[in-house]
């Protein structure tokens, strides 16, 4: 039976392409239907939207607020914007903005939408009070998506970006977390550090196990919890692994990331300073004029206080994704960026005084030299961690890709590691079946049984974890799970 093409919010996708995606495509296939249902709700309550806008604009008559037709409504990945024309304001327009609950994990983690709004409001308030030179006016301009390489325009962009980074990071904060406005209207740094990856994972029903009222006073505790939600993604996402080799590779990387943390994060900075950062500062959230001077920043809800070593040049300086960055190519551009940032920091000497004389440029340059840039970028990239580890982090520690480390490291990732591998192979098989059906006849309804795979015993104890032990354990694995076929065969490990 021929397979149909399915619709995602920004593209059409075929089964063959979906198979190769590392993200949970089954979950993403629901977005378009959920978007239509969500849009219908405020459309049926247009009078409520009129009243809300009139209240916030101190207008006497809600009828002065004309809600645009649904065909004119705007939406991005995480927000929907409803244009509202104000008849008593010479027909000027305002935007009523809603978080998309199906994109921030609100059904899995109720309250995520409110948290997103509170954190964005907190970021606006903090920037307005402490960094008035950072422009956050009404949205206008155009986004950087053309990849043009005009050196003069690029210098303008880099200089404005540097000023923004220096401005928002000049104040040393007491803890790692996000600013919120509470029910009494007070601003406080009391929310968990709401970075974009947290709500992305929770949206796909991957638990992060970080309470909303949890903040951090040490870098170590924050990094440990960040690595924990990478673990949870591996355990919870049904297509997290492709085969036994992939599972060993991912577990090895996660085990190693814990072990090598002291090599990439400076001991003297583990208790601060902590500084404010915008974790979603990418091209589509930066608006510029025709000279590439920044006129506005948007999507501030994922701004939070983080370790100063996590302040880094934007990963997208070469217009490549996290898993596409070429070190030599990126280095050339980041040198240009850091040169401008150093110049701006020298001109604004006040930036160092509130951090005890610590220069941000020095921290960022040392982070690049030590490889901290790659380590912290991996922490913030659920789907990019493994590529970054094997291509940019591991080579700094070992130049020969010996097989032994991969054979040993999975045992240090978790107890009962082969039981977990067995479960994940089963999850992947079930995910592939469901994904295939999602591209099959839409009139058919298939109920998938919730089968439990057999549990595997611990591999026999041995004084050294050798290739022979791995093959023996793999052979036992495949004998025990022969009831359901796997993508890999024991002979492929020879």
Protein backbone atom coordinates (compact mmCIF):
# COMPACT_ATOMS: atom_id res chain seq x y z
CA UNK A 1 0.00 0.00 0.00
CA UNK A 2 1.49 3.39 -0.97
CA UNK A 3 2.32 5.67 1.93
CA UNK A 4 0.92 9.17 2.06
CA UNK A 5 2.75 12.38 2.82
CA UNK A 6 1.89 13.91 6.18
CA UNK A 7 1.72 17.55 7.20
CA UNK A 8 3.92 19.22 9.81
CA UNK A 9 3.59 22.90 10.77
CA UNK A 10 6.37 24.06 8.45
CA UNK A 11 6.72 21.24 5.93
CA UNK A 12 5.29 18.10 4.45
CA UNK A 13 7.09 14.94 5.45
CA UNK A 14 7.34 11.44 4.02
CA UNK A 15 7.73 8.22 5.95
CA UNK A 16 11.31 7.75 4.76
CA UNK A 17 12.30 11.21 6.03
CA UNK A 18 10.41 10.67 9.31
CA UNK A 19 12.31 7.44 9.91
CA UNK A 20 15.62 9.31 9.99
CA UNK A 21 14.49 12.12 12.31
CA UNK A 22 15.89 12.01 15.85
CA UNK A 23 12.91 13.90 17.27
CA UNK A 24 9.57 12.26 18.05
CA UNK A 25 7.78 12.66 14.70
CA UNK A 26 4.66 10.87 15.94
CA UNK A 27 4.24 13.63 18.51
CA UNK A 28 4.87 16.35 15.92
CA UNK A 29 2.27 14.92 13.54
CA UNK A 30 -0.39 16.03 16.03
CA UNK A 31 0.64 19.70 15.88
CA UNK A 32 -1.43 20.77 12.86
CA UNK A 33 -4.68 19.32 14.20
CA UNK A 34 -4.00 20.77 17.64
CA UNK A 35 -3.26 24.15 16.08
CA UNK A 36 -6.61 24.17 14.25
CA UNK A 37 -8.47 23.23 17.43
CA UNK A 38 -6.61 25.82 19.48
CA UNK A 39 -7.23 28.62 16.96
CA UNK A 40 -10.94 27.83 16.99
CA UNK A 41 -11.22 28.46 20.73
CA UNK A 42 -10.25 32.18 20.83
CA UNK A 43 -12.05 32.76 17.52
CA UNK A 44 -15.31 31.75 19.21
CA UNK A 45 -14.50 34.15 22.06
CA UNK A 46 -13.65 37.25 20.08
CA UNK A 47 -15.70 39.41 22.45
CA UNK A 48 -13.49 38.23 25.32
CA UNK A 49 -10.38 39.18 23.36
CA UNK A 50 -11.87 42.63 22.74
CA UNK A 51 -12.47 43.09 26.46
CA UNK A 52 -8.94 41.94 27.33
CA UNK A 53 -7.31 44.36 24.89
CA UNK A 54 -9.55 47.24 25.99
CA UNK A 55 -8.66 46.56 29.63
CA UNK A 56 -4.90 46.56 29.05
CA UNK A 57 -5.06 49.66 26.84
CA UNK A 58 -7.39 51.49 29.27
CA UNK A 59 -10.05 51.90 26.60
CA UNK A 60 -13.59 52.66 27.70
CA UNK A 61 -15.32 50.75 24.90
CA UNK A 62 -14.23 47.22 23.90
CA UNK A 63 -15.94 47.73 20.53
CA UNK A 64 -13.05 50.04 19.62
CA UNK A 65 -10.91 46.90 19.38
CA UNK A 66 -11.49 45.15 16.06
CA UNK A 67 -10.23 41.56 16.03
CA UNK A 68 -8.69 40.52 12.72
CA UNK A 69 -10.13 37.65 10.75
CA UNK A 70 -8.56 34.29 11.57
CA UNK A 71 -6.87 34.24 8.16
CA UNK A 72 -4.73 37.17 9.36
CA UNK A 73 -3.66 35.56 12.62
CA UNK A 74 0.03 34.88 12.98
CA UNK A 75 1.89 32.06 14.65
CA UNK A 76 5.43 30.85 15.08
CA UNK A 77 6.71 27.73 16.77
CA UNK A 78 5.56 28.67 20.26
CA UNK A 79 3.17 31.63 20.04
CA UNK A 80 0.03 32.80 18.26
CA UNK A 81 -0.53 36.52 17.59
CA UNK A 82 -3.95 38.03 16.90
CA UNK A 83 -3.82 41.48 15.22
CA UNK A 84 -6.20 43.97 16.80
CA UNK A 85 -7.01 47.30 15.12
CA UNK A 86 -7.84 50.15 17.54
CA UNK A 87 -10.38 52.45 15.89
CA UNK A 88 -9.89 55.25 18.44
CA UNK A 89 -6.10 55.21 17.93
CA UNK A 90 -6.18 56.27 14.29
CA UNK A 91 -6.58 52.57 13.46
CA UNK A 92 -3.22 51.59 14.91
CA UNK A 93 -2.76 47.88 15.49
CA UNK A 94 -1.79 45.87 18.54
CA UNK A 95 -0.97 42.19 18.84
CA UNK A 96 -2.63 39.86 21.33
CA UNK A 97 -0.16 37.03 21.91
CA UNK A 98 -0.88 33.53 23.22
CA UNK A 99 1.53 30.66 23.98
CA UNK A 100 0.66 27.52 22.02
CA UNK A 101 -0.13 24.98 24.77
CA UNK A 102 0.63 22.01 22.52
CA UNK A 103 4.18 23.31 21.95
CA UNK A 104 5.20 24.00 25.55
CA UNK A 105 4.07 20.72 27.13
CA UNK A 106 1.08 22.17 28.97
CA UNK A 107 -0.91 18.93 28.91
CA UNK A 108 2.03 16.91 30.23
CA UNK A 109 3.19 19.57 32.72
CA UNK A 110 0.12 21.72 33.48
CA UNK A 111 1.00 25.36 33.97
CA UNK A 112 3.84 25.50 31.45
CA UNK A 113 1.95 28.11 29.43
CA UNK A 114 1.53 30.34 32.48
CA UNK A 115 5.17 29.78 33.42
CA UNK A 116 6.24 30.84 29.94
CA UNK A 117 4.22 34.07 30.19
CA UNK A 118 5.46 34.85 33.70
CA UNK A 119 9.09 34.33 32.72
CA UNK A 120 8.71 36.49 29.63
CA UNK A 121 7.07 39.23 31.68
CA UNK A 122 9.82 38.88 34.27
CA UNK A 123 12.48 39.22 31.60
CA UNK A 124 10.83 42.34 30.19
CA UNK A 125 10.61 43.89 33.66
CA UNK A 126 14.21 43.06 34.57
CA UNK A 127 15.59 44.36 31.28
CA UNK A 128 13.50 47.53 31.53
CA UNK A 129 14.79 48.23 35.03
CA UNK A 130 18.42 47.23 34.61
CA UNK A 131 19.23 47.45 30.91
CA UNK A 132 17.24 50.34 29.38
CA UNK A 133 19.72 50.51 26.52
CA UNK A 134 18.53 47.09 25.31
CA UNK A 135 15.71 47.95 22.92
CA UNK A 136 12.57 45.88 23.34
CA UNK A 137 9.87 48.01 21.63
CA UNK A 138 6.90 46.92 19.55
CA UNK A 139 7.79 44.26 16.97
CA UNK A 140 8.95 45.60 13.61
CA UNK A 141 11.75 45.04 11.09
CA UNK A 142 12.88 41.78 9.54
CA UNK A 143 14.66 38.67 10.71
CA UNK A 144 18.17 37.53 9.81
CA UNK A 145 17.59 34.56 7.56
CA UNK A 146 19.27 35.40 4.25
CA UNK A 147 22.83 34.36 5.08
CA UNK A 148 24.28 37.50 3.51
CA UNK A 149 27.95 38.14 4.19
CA UNK A 150 28.41 41.90 4.02
CA UNK A 151 31.28 42.56 6.46
CA UNK A 152 30.06 46.05 7.36
CA UNK A 153 26.55 44.86 8.10
CA UNK A 154 27.91 41.86 9.99
CA UNK A 155 30.07 44.17 12.12
CA UNK A 156 27.00 46.26 12.96
CA UNK A 157 25.13 43.15 14.04
CA UNK A 158 28.06 41.79 16.06
CA UNK A 159 28.56 45.12 17.81
CA UNK A 160 24.91 45.43 18.80
CA UNK A 161 24.81 41.78 19.90
CA UNK A 162 27.95 42.31 21.97
CA UNK A 163 26.45 45.36 23.68
CA UNK A 164 23.31 43.42 24.53
CA UNK A 165 25.24 40.44 25.93
CA UNK A 166 27.52 42.72 27.95
CA UNK A 167 24.60 44.75 29.26
CA UNK A 168 22.44 41.88 30.47
CA UNK A 169 25.40 39.99 31.96
CA UNK A 170 26.97 42.87 33.88
CA UNK A 171 24.96 42.27 37.07
CA UNK A 172 26.01 39.32 39.20
CA UNK A 173 22.91 37.43 40.38
CA UNK A 174 22.60 35.29 43.50
CA UNK A 175 21.35 32.10 41.93
CA UNK A 176 20.57 30.20 38.75
CA UNK A 177 16.89 30.63 37.86
CA UNK A 178 14.30 32.74 36.05
CA UNK A 179 12.66 36.02 37.01
CA UNK A 180 8.88 35.89 37.49
CA UNK A 181 6.14 38.29 38.51
CA UNK A 182 4.11 36.63 41.27
CA UNK A 183 0.40 36.95 42.03
CA UNK A 184 1.05 40.07 44.13
CA UNK A 185 2.92 41.78 41.30
CA UNK A 186 6.40 41.42 42.80
CA UNK A 187 9.44 40.56 40.69
CA UNK A 188 11.65 37.78 42.04
CA UNK A 189 14.33 35.34 40.91
CA UNK A 190 12.49 32.29 42.24
CA UNK A 191 11.54 30.17 39.22
CA UNK A 192 13.50 27.25 37.82
CA UNK A 193 15.85 28.35 34.99
CA UNK A 194 13.32 28.08 32.17
CA UNK A 195 15.45 27.47 29.09
CA UNK A 196 13.85 26.45 25.81
CA UNK A 197 14.99 22.83 25.99
CA UNK A 198 13.06 22.25 29.24
CA UNK A 199 9.65 23.02 27.75
CA UNK A 200 10.59 21.35 24.46
CA UNK A 201 11.22 18.10 26.33
CA UNK A 202 8.16 18.44 28.56
CA UNK A 203 6.06 19.12 25.47
CA UNK A 204 7.09 15.66 24.25
CA UNK A 205 6.19 14.22 27.68
CA UNK A 206 9.80 13.76 28.74
CA UNK A 207 10.03 14.53 32.48
CA UNK A 208 12.73 16.97 33.54
CA UNK A 209 12.03 16.55 37.28
CA UNK A 210 12.87 20.19 38.01
CA UNK A 211 10.19 21.87 40.12
CA UNK A 212 9.08 25.35 39.13
CA UNK A 213 10.24 26.78 42.47
CA UNK A 214 13.70 25.20 42.22
CA UNK A 215 16.76 27.39 41.77
CA UNK A 216 20.49 26.63 42.02
CA UNK A 217 23.43 28.16 43.86
CA UNK A 218 26.17 25.97 42.34
CA UNK A 219 27.07 25.15 38.76
CA UNK A 220 27.55 21.46 39.58
CA UNK A 221 23.99 20.90 40.80
CA UNK A 222 22.59 22.67 37.74
CA UNK A 223 24.68 20.65 35.29
CA UNK A 224 23.78 17.37 37.03
CA UNK A 225 20.07 18.15 36.60
CA UNK A 226 20.61 19.16 32.96
CA UNK A 227 22.31 15.83 32.26
CA UNK A 228 19.45 14.09 34.07
CA UNK A 229 16.86 15.36 31.59
CA UNK A 230 19.09 14.11 28.76
CA UNK A 231 18.93 10.73 30.52
CA UNK A 232 15.15 11.02 30.73
CA UNK A 233 14.92 11.77 27.02
CA UNK A 234 16.84 8.57 26.29
CA UNK A 235 14.56 6.60 28.60
CA UNK A 236 11.23 8.19 27.64
CA UNK A 237 11.34 9.07 23.94
CA UNK A 238 10.13 6.00 22.01
CA UNK A 239 12.54 6.47 19.10
CA UNK A 240 15.50 7.61 21.20
CA UNK A 241 17.73 4.79 19.93
CA UNK A 242 18.00 3.06 16.57
CA UNK A 243 19.80 -0.17 17.53
CA UNK A 244 22.11 -1.66 20.14
CA UNK A 245 25.16 0.14 18.76
CA UNK A 246 23.34 3.47 18.91
CA UNK A 247 22.21 2.82 22.49
CA UNK A 248 25.76 2.00 23.58
CA UNK A 249 27.05 5.12 21.84
CA UNK A 250 24.48 7.41 23.48
CA UNK A 251 24.88 5.89 26.95
CA UNK A 252 28.66 6.16 26.64
CA UNK A 253 28.40 9.84 25.75
CA UNK A 254 26.07 10.60 28.67
CA UNK A 255 28.24 8.63 31.10
CA UNK A 256 31.33 10.45 29.87
CA UNK A 257 29.65 13.88 30.08
CA UNK A 258 29.25 13.37 33.84
CA UNK A 259 32.80 12.14 34.30
CA UNK A 260 34.49 14.95 32.37
CA UNK A 261 32.47 17.84 33.82
CA UNK A 262 35.39 19.04 36.04
CA UNK A 263 37.63 19.23 32.96
CA UNK A 264 35.41 21.80 31.23
CA UNK A 265 33.97 23.91 34.07
CA UNK A 266 36.34 25.98 36.19
CA UNK A 267 36.34 25.18 39.89
CA UNK A 268 36.67 28.83 40.94
CA UNK A 269 33.46 29.71 39.06
CA UNK A 270 31.25 26.93 40.42
CA UNK A 271 29.57 29.22 42.95
CA UNK A 272 29.21 32.12 40.56
CA UNK A 273 29.01 34.68 39.32
CA UNK A 274 25.68 33.87 37.71
CA UNK A 275 24.46 36.25 35.03
CA UNK A 276 21.36 36.81 32.97
CA UNK A 277 21.26 35.19 29.52
CA UNK A 278 18.74 34.88 26.69
CA UNK A 279 18.79 31.17 25.84
CA UNK A 280 16.62 31.59 22.72
CA UNK A 281 18.59 34.44 21.13
CA UNK A 282 18.61 33.19 17.54
CA UNK A 283 18.11 34.83 14.14
CA UNK A 284 14.32 34.77 14.01
CA UNK A 285 14.07 36.54 17.37
CA UNK A 286 16.28 39.49 16.38
CA UNK A 287 14.84 42.37 14.37
CA UNK A 288 17.16 44.77 12.55
CA UNK A 289 17.00 47.79 10.29
CA UNK A 290 18.49 47.94 6.80
CA UNK A 291 21.96 48.51 8.28
CA UNK A 292 21.64 45.42 10.50
CA UNK A 293 21.48 47.47 13.67
CA UNK A 294 19.29 45.63 16.15
CA UNK A 295 15.97 47.38 16.71
CA UNK A 296 14.17 44.82 18.84
CA UNK A 297 14.40 41.46 20.57
CA UNK A 298 11.41 39.16 20.97
CA UNK A 299 10.60 35.81 22.61
CA UNK A 300 12.18 36.68 25.94
CA UNK A 301 10.35 34.02 27.96
CA UNK A 302 13.39 31.72 28.01
CA UNK A 303 15.72 34.27 29.54
CA UNK A 304 17.27 33.09 32.80
CA UNK A 305 20.23 33.42 35.12
CA UNK A 306 22.99 30.94 34.29
CA UNK A 307 26.67 30.29 35.07
CA UNK A 308 28.89 32.90 33.45
CA UNK A 309 30.70 30.12 31.57
CA UNK A 310 27.45 29.42 29.69
CA UNK A 311 27.54 32.88 28.11
CA UNK A 312 28.86 32.12 24.64
CA UNK A 313 28.88 33.49 21.10
CA UNK A 314 25.69 32.47 19.26
CA UNK A 315 26.12 28.99 17.78
CA UNK A 316 24.45 30.15 14.53
CA UNK A 317 27.17 32.63 13.51
CA UNK A 318 27.96 30.46 10.45
CA UNK A 319 24.25 29.91 9.76
CA UNK A 320 24.50 26.20 10.64
CA UNK A 321 22.63 24.03 13.07
CA UNK A 322 24.19 22.70 16.26
CA UNK A 323 25.04 19.37 14.65
CA UNK A 324 26.40 20.99 11.48
CA UNK A 325 29.00 23.35 12.95
CA UNK A 326 32.50 23.01 11.51
CA UNK A 327 35.04 23.97 14.15
CA UNK A 328 37.55 25.75 11.89
CA UNK A 329 34.86 27.63 9.98
CA UNK A 330 33.11 28.69 13.18
CA UNK A 331 36.36 29.73 14.84
CA UNK A 332 37.05 32.34 12.16
CA UNK A 333 33.70 34.02 12.75
CA UNK A 334 33.76 33.75 16.52
CA UNK A 335 37.18 35.43 16.55
CA UNK A 336 35.61 38.39 14.71
CA UNK A 337 32.71 38.43 17.15
CA UNK A 338 34.95 38.20 20.23
CA UNK A 339 37.23 40.98 18.93
CA UNK A 340 34.23 43.32 18.78
CA UNK A 341 32.93 42.15 22.16
CA UNK A 342 36.33 42.83 23.76
CA UNK A 343 36.37 46.32 22.27
CA UNK A 344 32.90 47.04 23.62
CA UNK A 345 33.77 45.67 27.05
CA UNK A 346 36.80 47.95 27.30
CA UNK A 347 34.61 50.92 26.39
CA UNK A 348 32.05 49.97 29.03
CA UNK A 349 34.30 49.41 32.03
CA UNK A 350 31.28 49.27 34.35
CA UNK A 351 30.52 45.77 33.09
CA UNK A 352 33.34 44.28 35.15
CA UNK A 353 32.92 46.20 38.39
CA UNK A 354 29.68 44.45 39.40
CA UNK A 355 31.31 41.04 38.82
CA UNK A 356 34.35 41.68 40.99
CA UNK A 357 36.53 42.72 38.06
CA UNK A 358 35.91 39.51 36.09
CA UNK A 359 35.91 40.31 32.37
CA UNK A 360 33.31 38.48 30.31
CA UNK A 361 35.58 38.40 27.25
CA UNK A 362 38.27 36.60 29.25
CA UNK A 363 35.76 34.00 30.44
CA UNK A 364 34.40 33.45 26.92
CA UNK A 365 37.86 33.21 25.34
CA UNK A 366 39.00 30.70 27.94
CA UNK A 367 35.78 28.72 27.43
CA UNK A 368 36.63 28.44 23.74
CA UNK A 369 40.23 27.39 24.43
CA UNK A 370 39.22 24.80 27.06
CA UNK A 371 36.37 23.35 25.00
CA UNK A 372 33.79 24.61 27.50
CA UNK A 373 31.91 26.16 24.58
CA UNK A 374 31.21 22.69 23.14
CA UNK A 375 30.43 21.15 26.52
CA UNK A 376 27.83 23.75 27.52
CA UNK A 377 26.37 23.82 24.00
CA UNK A 378 25.88 20.05 24.24
CA UNK A 379 24.12 20.44 27.59
CA UNK A 380 21.60 22.78 25.94
CA UNK A 381 21.01 20.57 22.88
CA UNK A 382 18.93 17.43 23.56
CA UNK A 383 19.30 16.13 19.99
CA UNK A 384 22.75 17.60 19.38
CA UNK A 385 24.59 16.37 22.47
CA UNK A 386 25.83 13.12 20.97
CA UNK A 387 27.15 14.69 17.77
CA UNK A 388 28.87 17.44 19.74
CA UNK A 389 30.39 14.93 22.14
CA UNK A 390 31.88 12.64 19.50
CA UNK A 391 32.99 15.38 17.10
CA UNK A 392 34.09 18.23 19.37
CA UNK A 393 34.50 16.99 22.96
CA UNK A 394 35.87 13.44 22.86
CA UNK A 395 38.62 14.29 20.31
CA UNK A 396 40.06 16.77 22.83
CA UNK A 397 40.60 13.89 25.25
CA UNK A 398 41.46 10.91 23.06
CA UNK A 399 42.64 11.03 19.46
CA UNK A 400 42.16 7.32 18.71
CA UNK A 401 38.59 6.06 18.55
CA UNK A 402 39.34 2.86 20.42
CA UNK A 403 36.40 0.49 20.78
CA UNK A 404 37.09 -0.27 24.44
CA UNK A 405 35.77 3.03 25.89
CA UNK A 406 32.41 2.51 24.18
CA UNK A 407 32.27 -1.03 25.55
CA UNK A 408 33.00 0.07 29.10
CA UNK A 409 31.20 3.39 29.47
CA UNK A 410 27.58 2.15 29.19
CA UNK A 411 28.05 0.28 32.49
CA UNK A 412 28.71 3.60 34.21
CA UNK A 413 25.59 5.25 32.81
CA UNK A 414 23.04 3.25 34.80
CA UNK A 415 22.46 0.01 36.66
CA UNK A 416 20.77 -2.81 34.73
CA UNK A 417 21.94 -1.20 31.52
CA UNK A 418 21.02 -4.17 29.31
CA UNK A 419 17.49 -4.20 30.69
CA UNK A 420 17.25 -0.59 29.60
CA UNK A 421 18.66 -1.39 26.15
CA UNK A 422 16.12 -4.20 25.81
CA UNK A 423 13.28 -1.83 26.70
CA UNK A 424 14.52 0.86 24.31
CA UNK A 425 14.85 -1.58 21.40
CA UNK A 426 11.28 -2.63 22.06
CA UNK A 427 10.15 1.02 22.24
CA UNK A 428 11.85 1.75 18.90
CA UNK A 429 10.19 -1.25 17.26
CA UNK A 430 6.77 -0.15 18.53
CA UNK A 431 7.47 3.47 17.49
CA UNK A 432 8.38 2.34 13.95
CA UNK A 433 5.13 0.40 13.68
CA UNK A 434 3.07 3.36 14.84
CA UNK A 435 4.98 5.76 12.59
CA UNK A 436 4.36 3.49 9.59
CA UNK A 437 0.65 3.37 10.43
CA UNK A 438 0.57 7.16 10.75
CA UNK A 439 1.50 7.37 7.05
CA UNK A 440 -0.85 4.52 6.10
CA UNK A 441 -4.58 4.55 5.38
CA UNK A 442 -6.08 7.29 7.59
CA UNK A 443 -9.40 5.45 7.85
CA UNK A 444 -7.86 2.51 9.64
CA UNK A 445 -7.67 2.55 13.43
CA UNK A 446 -5.06 0.28 14.94
CA UNK A 447 -4.76 -0.41 18.65
CA UNK A 448 -1.26 -1.37 19.63
CA UNK A 449 -0.93 -3.79 22.54
CA UNK A 450 1.17 -2.63 25.46
CA UNK A 451 3.62 -5.51 25.43
CA UNK A 452 6.41 -5.66 27.95
CA UNK A 453 9.77 -6.92 26.71
CA UNK A 454 11.52 -9.59 28.76
CA UNK A 455 13.94 -8.29 31.36
CA UNK A 456 17.58 -9.15 30.91
CA UNK A 457 19.89 -10.37 33.61
CA UNK A 458 23.01 -8.45 34.52
CA UNK A 459 26.03 -9.40 32.36
CA UNK A 460 28.34 -11.81 34.23
CA UNK A 461 30.96 -10.18 36.42
CA UNK A 462 34.40 -9.84 34.90
CA UNK A 463 37.54 -8.10 36.07
CA UNK A 464 37.90 -6.27 32.77
CA UNK A 465 35.18 -5.10 30.40
CA UNK A 466 36.54 -6.35 27.09
CA UNK A 467 35.16 -6.64 23.59
CA UNK A 468 34.55 -10.32 24.28
CA UNK A 469 32.31 -9.44 27.23
CA UNK A 470 30.30 -7.01 25.15
CA UNK A 471 29.79 -9.63 22.43
CA UNK A 472 28.78 -12.20 25.05
CA UNK A 473 26.29 -9.79 26.60
CA UNK A 474 24.97 -8.85 23.17
CA UNK A 475 24.55 -12.52 22.27
CA UNK A 476 22.57 -13.07 25.47
CA UNK A 477 20.55 -9.99 24.68
CA UNK A 478 19.51 -11.23 21.27
CA UNK A 479 18.68 -14.72 22.52
CA UNK A 480 16.40 -13.27 25.18
CA UNK A 481 14.62 -10.82 22.90
CA UNK A 482 14.23 -13.19 19.96
CA UNK A 483 10.46 -12.96 20.40
CA UNK A 484 10.53 -9.54 18.77
CA UNK A 485 12.91 -8.77 15.88
CA UNK A 486 15.61 -6.13 16.28
CA UNK A 487 17.31 -3.89 13.77
CA UNK A 488 20.79 -5.25 14.55
CA UNK A 489 22.07 -8.84 14.60
CA UNK A 490 24.83 -10.30 16.80
CA UNK A 491 27.08 -10.95 13.84
CA UNK A 492 27.05 -7.24 13.03
CA UNK A 493 29.04 -6.65 16.22
CA UNK A 494 31.88 -8.95 15.10
